[in-house]
Amino acid sequence: MSVLLVEDDPLIREFVVEALREAGYHVIHASTGEEALAWCKRYAADVLVTDVRLPGQVDRWQIAERCREQDPDCRSSTPRASLPPLHVPFPGAAS
């Protein structure tokens, strides 16, 4: 399964790319909406993951629209910065 990740922060992008690859996904990454659209003109991704705010003139909705033109089954996701933190207990951790 291929994932197109669009994230302008290089540290976050690197972390997410590595995690997805370790999970077995083929990851293509872009730092702007314009880069993502250029990629979408030539290829189709199974899943699109975009940042909420991207630099440049192309927003996440335009990228999703283009990806769906290439592949109507393409799923998209935008991580939400407003979600509460996830607290997962682990052995030996103080409560």
C-alpha atoms as a PDB file:
ATOM      1  CA  MET A   1       0.000   0.000   0.000  1.00  0.00           C
ATOM      2  CA  SER A   2       1.355   3.434  -0.919  1.00  0.00           C
ATOM      3  CA  VAL A   3       1.006   6.525   1.272  1.00  0.00           C
ATOM      4  CA  LEU A   4       1.530  10.087   0.090  1.00  0.00           C
ATOM      5  CA  LEU A   5       2.555  12.168   3.106  1.00  0.00           C
ATOM      6  CA  VAL A   6       2.495  15.963   2.800  1.00  0.00           C
ATOM      7  CA  GLU A   7       4.131  17.686   5.782  1.00  0.00           C
ATOM      8  CA  ASP A   8       6.174  20.879   5.763  1.00  0.00           C
ATOM      9  CA  ASP A   9       7.992  20.333   9.073  1.00  0.00           C
ATOM     10  CA  PRO A  10      11.071  18.224   8.199  1.00  0.00           C
ATOM     11  CA  LEU A  11      11.373  16.604  11.648  1.00  0.00           C
ATOM     12  CA  ILE A  12       7.739  15.530  11.754  1.00  0.00           C
ATOM     13  CA  ARG A  13       7.914  14.375   8.119  1.00  0.00           C
ATOM     14  CA  GLU A  14      11.021  12.276   8.796  1.00  0.00           C
ATOM     15  CA  PHE A  15       9.483  10.716  11.918  1.00  0.00           C
ATOM     16  CA  VAL A  16       6.200   9.815  10.198  1.00  0.00           C
ATOM     17  CA  VAL A  17       7.940   8.492   7.061  1.00  0.00           C
ATOM     18  CA  GLU A  18      10.158   6.241   9.163  1.00  0.00           C
ATOM     19  CA  ALA A  19       7.235   4.961  11.257  1.00  0.00           C
ATOM     20  CA  LEU A  20       5.118   4.203   8.183  1.00  0.00           C
ATOM     21  CA  ARG A  21       7.986   2.449   6.409  1.00  0.00           C
ATOM     22  CA  GLU A  22       8.691   0.345   9.488  1.00  0.00           C
ATOM     23  CA  ALA A  23       5.009  -0.624   9.439  1.00  0.00           C
ATOM     24  CA  GLY A  24       5.447  -1.892   5.873  1.00  0.00           C
ATOM     25  CA  TYR A  25       4.041   0.983   3.824  1.00  0.00           C
ATOM     26  CA  HIS A  26       5.565   2.425   0.665  1.00  0.00           C
ATOM     27  CA  VAL A  27       5.844   6.130   1.515  1.00  0.00           C
ATOM     28  CA  ILE A  28       6.168   9.066  -0.845  1.00  0.00           C
ATOM     29  CA  HIS A  29       6.634  12.410   0.867  1.00  0.00           C
ATOM     30  CA  ALA A  30       6.341  16.048  -0.105  1.00  0.00           C
ATOM     31  CA  SER A  31       6.869  19.249   1.841  1.00  0.00           C
ATOM     32  CA  THR A  32       4.385  21.442  -0.054  1.00  0.00           C
ATOM     33  CA  GLY A  33       1.065  21.089  -1.784  1.00  0.00           C
ATOM     34  CA  GLU A  34       2.723  21.984  -5.086  1.00  0.00           C
ATOM     35  CA  GLU A  35       5.176  19.069  -4.721  1.00  0.00           C
ATOM     36  CA  ALA A  36       2.306  16.739  -3.887  1.00  0.00           C
ATOM     37  CA  LEU A  37       0.290  17.837  -6.940  1.00  0.00           C
ATOM     38  CA  ALA A  38       3.300  17.301  -9.207  1.00  0.00           C
ATOM     39  CA  TRP A  39       3.587  13.759  -7.874  1.00  0.00           C
ATOM     40  CA  CYS A  40      -0.175  13.153  -8.218  1.00  0.00           C
ATOM     41  CA  LYS A  41      -0.034  14.048 -11.919  1.00  0.00           C
ATOM     42  CA  ARG A  42       2.136  10.986 -12.578  1.00  0.00           C
ATOM     43  CA  TYR A  43       1.152   8.441  -9.923  1.00  0.00           C
ATOM     44  CA  ALA A  44      -1.697   7.359  -7.668  1.00  0.00           C
ATOM     45  CA  ALA A  45      -1.470   6.791  -3.914  1.00  0.00           C
ATOM     46  CA  ASP A  46      -3.702   4.496  -1.900  1.00  0.00           C
ATOM     47  CA  VAL A  47      -3.746   6.860   1.078  1.00  0.00           C
ATOM     48  CA  LEU A  48      -3.102  10.583   1.407  1.00  0.00           C
ATOM     49  CA  VAL A  49      -1.984  12.066   4.744  1.00  0.00           C
ATOM     50  CA  THR A  50      -1.626  15.845   4.872  1.00  0.00           C
ATOM     51  CA  ASP A  51      -0.769  18.484   7.412  1.00  0.00           C
ATOM     52  CA  VAL A  52      -3.623  20.824   8.361  1.00  0.00           C
ATOM     53  CA  ARG A  53      -1.766  23.926   7.135  1.00  0.00           C
ATOM     54  CA  LEU A  54       0.673  23.828   4.248  1.00  0.00           C
ATOM     55  CA  PRO A  55       2.879  26.571   2.837  1.00  0.00           C
ATOM     56  CA  GLY A  56       2.163  27.808  -0.676  1.00  0.00           C
ATOM     57  CA  GLN A  57      -0.993  28.181  -2.703  1.00  0.00           C
ATOM     58  CA  VAL A  58      -2.182  24.561  -2.685  1.00  0.00           C
ATOM     59  CA  ASP A  59      -4.175  23.343   0.312  1.00  0.00           C
ATOM     60  CA  ARG A  60      -4.980  19.830   1.528  1.00  0.00           C
ATOM     61  CA  TRP A  61      -8.399  19.833  -0.154  1.00  0.00           C
ATOM     62  CA  GLN A  62      -6.876  20.503  -3.586  1.00  0.00           C
ATOM     63  CA  ILE A  63      -4.378  17.691  -3.078  1.00  0.00           C
ATOM     64  CA  ALA A  64      -7.144  15.288  -2.039  1.00  0.00           C
ATOM     65  CA  GLU A  65      -9.230  16.277  -5.065  1.00  0.00           C
ATOM     66  CA  ARG A  66      -6.315  15.630  -7.447  1.00  0.00           C
ATOM     67  CA  CYS A  67      -5.484  12.303  -5.798  1.00  0.00           C
ATOM     68  CA  ARG A  68      -9.103  11.202  -6.168  1.00  0.00           C
ATOM     69  CA  GLU A  69      -9.060  12.187  -9.843  1.00  0.00           C
ATOM     70  CA  GLN A  70      -6.159   9.748 -10.301  1.00  0.00           C
ATOM     71  CA  ASP A  71      -7.720   7.079  -8.068  1.00  0.00           C
ATOM     72  CA  PRO A  72     -11.310   7.468  -6.826  1.00  0.00           C
ATOM     73  CA  ASP A  73     -10.575   4.930  -4.058  1.00  0.00           C
ATOM     74  CA  CYS A  74      -7.772   7.055  -2.571  1.00  0.00           C
ATOM     75  CA  ARG A  75      -8.442   7.685   1.115  1.00  0.00           C
ATOM     76  CA  SER A  76      -7.290  10.857   2.826  1.00  0.00           C
ATOM     77  CA  SER A  77      -6.551  11.824   6.388  1.00  0.00           C
ATOM     78  CA  THR A  78      -5.536  15.031   8.110  1.00  0.00           C
ATOM     79  CA  PRO A  79      -4.049  14.626  11.579  1.00  0.00           C
ATOM     80  CA  ARG A  80      -5.806  16.926  14.019  1.00  0.00           C
ATOM     81  CA  ALA A  81      -3.569  18.982  16.259  1.00  0.00           C
ATOM     82  CA  SER A  82      -6.547  19.673  18.510  1.00  0.00           C
ATOM     83  CA  LEU A  83      -6.923  16.081  19.672  1.00  0.00           C
ATOM     84  CA  PRO A  84      -6.157  15.532  23.367  1.00  0.00           C
ATOM     85  CA  PRO A  85      -2.858  13.774  24.116  1.00  0.00           C
ATOM     86  CA  LEU A  86      -2.994  10.011  24.287  1.00  0.00           C
ATOM     87  CA  HIS A  87      -1.839   8.653  27.628  1.00  0.00           C
ATOM     88  CA  VAL A  88      -0.686   5.068  27.372  1.00  0.00           C
ATOM     89  CA  PRO A  89       0.586   3.500  30.581  1.00  0.00           C
ATOM     90  CA  PHE A  90       3.670   1.345  30.342  1.00  0.00           C
ATOM     91  CA  PRO A  91       5.271  -0.986  32.920  1.00  0.00           C
ATOM     92  CA  GLY A  92       7.185   0.863  35.625  1.00  0.00           C
ATOM     93  CA  ALA A  93       5.634   4.255  34.897  1.00  0.00           C
ATOM     94  CA  ALA A  94       4.408   6.399  37.734  1.00  0.00           C
ATOM     95  CA  SER A  95       0.655   7.017  37.580  1.00  0.00           C
END
